[in-house]
Amino acid sequence: MQLAGEEFGALIRVGFVIDHVLESSDSLAMRT
């Protein structure tokens, strides 16, 4: 079960990064 927990944490981290990247590109799109 330890591995599943680590994978879950990694998924959350990846989702957080993707969300941050999307927010950044949204801000860039608004500027142009």
PDB file of N, CA and C in Angstrom:
ATOM      1  N   MET A   1       0.828  -1.208   0.000  1.00  0.00           N
ATOM      2  CA  MET A   1       0.000   0.000   0.000  1.00  0.00           C
ATOM      3  C   MET A   1       0.863   1.258   0.000  1.00  0.00           C
ATOM      4  N   GLN A   2       2.116   1.095   0.418  1.00  0.00           N
ATOM      5  CA  GLN A   2       3.026   2.250   0.449  1.00  0.00           C
ATOM      6  C   GLN A   2       3.212   2.829  -0.951  1.00  0.00           C
ATOM      7  N   LEU A   3       3.388   1.941  -1.932  1.00  0.00           N
ATOM      8  CA  LEU A   3       3.604   2.392  -3.307  1.00  0.00           C
ATOM      9  C   LEU A   3       2.388   3.160  -3.811  1.00  0.00           C
ATOM     10  N   ALA A   4       1.194   2.646  -3.515  1.00  0.00           N
ATOM     11  CA  ALA A   4      -0.025   3.318  -3.966  1.00  0.00           C
ATOM     12  C   ALA A   4      -0.087   4.724  -3.381  1.00  0.00           C
ATOM     13  N   GLY A   5       0.303   4.868  -2.116  1.00  0.00           N
ATOM     14  CA  GLY A   5       0.294   6.189  -1.479  1.00  0.00           C
ATOM     15  C   GLY A   5       1.261   7.126  -2.174  1.00  0.00           C
ATOM     16  N   GLU A   6       2.437   6.610  -2.517  1.00  0.00           N
ATOM     17  CA  GLU A   6       3.431   7.457  -3.189  1.00  0.00           C
ATOM     18  C   GLU A   6       2.934   7.858  -4.574  1.00  0.00           C
ATOM     19  N   GLU A   7       2.321   6.923  -5.273  1.00  0.00           N
ATOM     20  CA  GLU A   7       1.794   7.238  -6.607  1.00  0.00           C
ATOM     21  C   GLU A   7       0.692   8.282  -6.503  1.00  0.00           C
ATOM     22  N   PHE A   8      -0.140   8.170  -5.467  1.00  0.00           N
ATOM     23  CA  PHE A   8      -1.221   9.138  -5.278  1.00  0.00           C
ATOM     24  C   PHE A   8      -0.634  10.524  -5.038  1.00  0.00           C
ATOM     25  N   GLY A   9       0.413  10.582  -4.201  1.00  0.00           N
ATOM     26  CA  GLY A   9       1.071  11.869  -3.933  1.00  0.00           C
ATOM     27  C   GLY A   9       1.674  12.442  -5.208  1.00  0.00           C
ATOM     28  N   ALA A  10       2.258  11.570  -6.028  1.00  0.00           N
ATOM     29  CA  ALA A  10       2.863  12.039  -7.279  1.00  0.00           C
ATOM     30  C   ALA A  10       1.782  12.582  -8.215  1.00  0.00           C
ATOM     31  N   LEU A  11       0.644  11.910  -8.255  1.00  0.00           N
ATOM     32  CA  LEU A  11      -0.458  12.374  -9.116  1.00  0.00           C
ATOM     33  C   LEU A  11      -0.925  13.753  -8.678  1.00  0.00           C
ATOM     34  N   ILE A  12      -1.033  13.945  -7.358  1.00  0.00           N
ATOM     35  CA  ILE A  12      -1.463  15.250  -6.841  1.00  0.00           C
ATOM     36  C   ILE A  12      -0.448  16.313  -7.250  1.00  0.00           C
ATOM     37  N   ARG A  13       0.841  15.973  -7.119  1.00  0.00           N
ATOM     38  CA  ARG A  13       1.892  16.936  -7.469  1.00  0.00           C
ATOM     39  C   ARG A  13       1.823  17.268  -8.954  1.00  0.00           C
ATOM     40  N   VAL A  14       1.667  16.260  -9.798  1.00  0.00           N
ATOM     41  CA  VAL A  14       1.592  16.485 -11.248  1.00  0.00           C
ATOM     42  C   VAL A  14       0.376  17.345 -11.582  1.00  0.00           C
ATOM     43  N   GLY A  15      -0.756  17.031 -10.969  1.00  0.00           N
ATOM     44  CA  GLY A  15      -1.966  17.809 -11.219  1.00  0.00           C
ATOM     45  C   GLY A  15      -1.786  19.253 -10.794  1.00  0.00           C
ATOM     46  N   PHE A  16      -1.088  19.453  -9.657  1.00  0.00           N
ATOM     47  CA  PHE A  16      -0.855  20.809  -9.161  1.00  0.00           C
ATOM     48  C   PHE A  16       0.026  21.584 -10.131  1.00  0.00           C
ATOM     49  N   VAL A  17       1.060  20.919 -10.638  1.00  0.00           N
ATOM     50  CA  VAL A  17       1.975  21.574 -11.585  1.00  0.00           C
ATOM     51  C   VAL A  17       1.232  21.926 -12.873  1.00  0.00           C
ATOM     52  N   ILE A  18       0.439  20.988 -13.381  1.00  0.00           N
ATOM     53  CA  ILE A  18      -0.317  21.241 -14.618  1.00  0.00           C
ATOM     54  C   ILE A  18      -1.266  22.411 -14.412  1.00  0.00           C
ATOM     55  N   ASP A  19      -1.930  22.442 -13.250  1.00  0.00           N
ATOM     56  CA  ASP A  19      -2.856  23.533 -12.954  1.00  0.00           C
ATOM     57  C   ASP A  19      -2.110  24.859 -12.948  1.00  0.00           C
ATOM     58  N   HIS A  20      -0.920  24.866 -12.341  1.00  0.00           N
ATOM     59  CA  HIS A  20      -0.117  26.091 -12.269  1.00  0.00           C
ATOM     60  C   HIS A  20       0.313  26.535 -13.669  1.00  0.00           C
ATOM     61  N   VAL A  21       0.725  25.571 -14.491  1.00  0.00           N
ATOM     62  CA  VAL A  21       1.158  25.896 -15.855  1.00  0.00           C
ATOM     63  C   VAL A  21      -0.007  26.466 -16.661  1.00  0.00           C
ATOM     64  N   LEU A  22      -1.181  25.865 -16.510  1.00  0.00           N
ATOM     65  CA  LEU A  22      -2.354  26.360 -17.240  1.00  0.00           C
ATOM     66  C   LEU A  22      -2.688  27.776 -16.797  1.00  0.00           C
ATOM     67  N   GLU A  23      -2.592  28.044 -15.506  1.00  0.00           N
ATOM     68  CA  GLU A  23      -2.865  29.396 -15.008  1.00  0.00           C
ATOM     69  C   GLU A  23      -1.868  30.382 -15.593  1.00  0.00           C
ATOM     70  N   SER A  24      -0.593  29.979 -15.655  1.00  0.00           N
ATOM     71  CA  SER A  24       0.449  30.865 -16.187  1.00  0.00           C
ATOM     72  C   SER A  24       0.192  31.157 -17.663  1.00  0.00           C
ATOM     73  N   SER A  25      -0.154  30.130 -18.442  1.00  0.00           N
ATOM     74  CA  SER A  25      -0.395  30.348 -19.874  1.00  0.00           C
ATOM     75  C   SER A  25      -1.651  31.191 -20.066  1.00  0.00           C
ATOM     76  N   ASP A  26      -2.630  31.055 -19.176  1.00  0.00           N
ATOM     77  CA  ASP A  26      -3.828  31.896 -19.264  1.00  0.00           C
ATOM     78  C   ASP A  26      -3.446  33.354 -19.064  1.00  0.00           C
ATOM     79  N   SER A  27      -2.577  33.618 -18.088  1.00  0.00           N
ATOM     80  CA  SER A  27      -2.140  34.992 -17.826  1.00  0.00           C
ATOM     81  C   SER A  27      -1.376  35.536 -19.034  1.00  0.00           C
ATOM     82  N   LEU A  28      -0.526  34.696 -19.627  1.00  0.00           N
ATOM     83  CA  LEU A  28       0.242  35.133 -20.794  1.00  0.00           C
ATOM     84  C   LEU A  28      -0.698  35.435 -21.957  1.00  0.00           C
ATOM     85  N   ALA A  29      -1.709  34.609 -22.143  1.00  0.00           N
ATOM     86  CA  ALA A  29      -2.648  34.811 -23.251  1.00  0.00           C
ATOM     87  C   ALA A  29      -3.405  36.125 -23.067  1.00  0.00           C
ATOM     88  N   MET A  30      -3.745  36.460 -21.835  1.00  0.00           N
ATOM     89  CA  MET A  30      -4.477  37.704 -21.587  1.00  0.00           C
ATOM     90  C   MET A  30      -3.614  38.924 -21.879  1.00  0.00           C
ATOM     91  N   ARG A  31      -2.301  38.797 -21.644  1.00  0.00           N
ATOM     92  CA  ARG A  31      -1.402  39.941 -21.826  1.00  0.00           C
ATOM     93  C   ARG A  31      -1.265  40.310 -23.296  1.00  0.00           C
ATOM     94  N   THR A  32      -1.295  39.314 -24.178  1.00  0.00           N
ATOM     95  CA  THR A  32      -1.063  39.611 -25.598  1.00  0.00           C
ATOM     96  C   THR A  32      -2.327  40.120 -26.267  1.00  0.00           C
TER      97      THR A  32
END
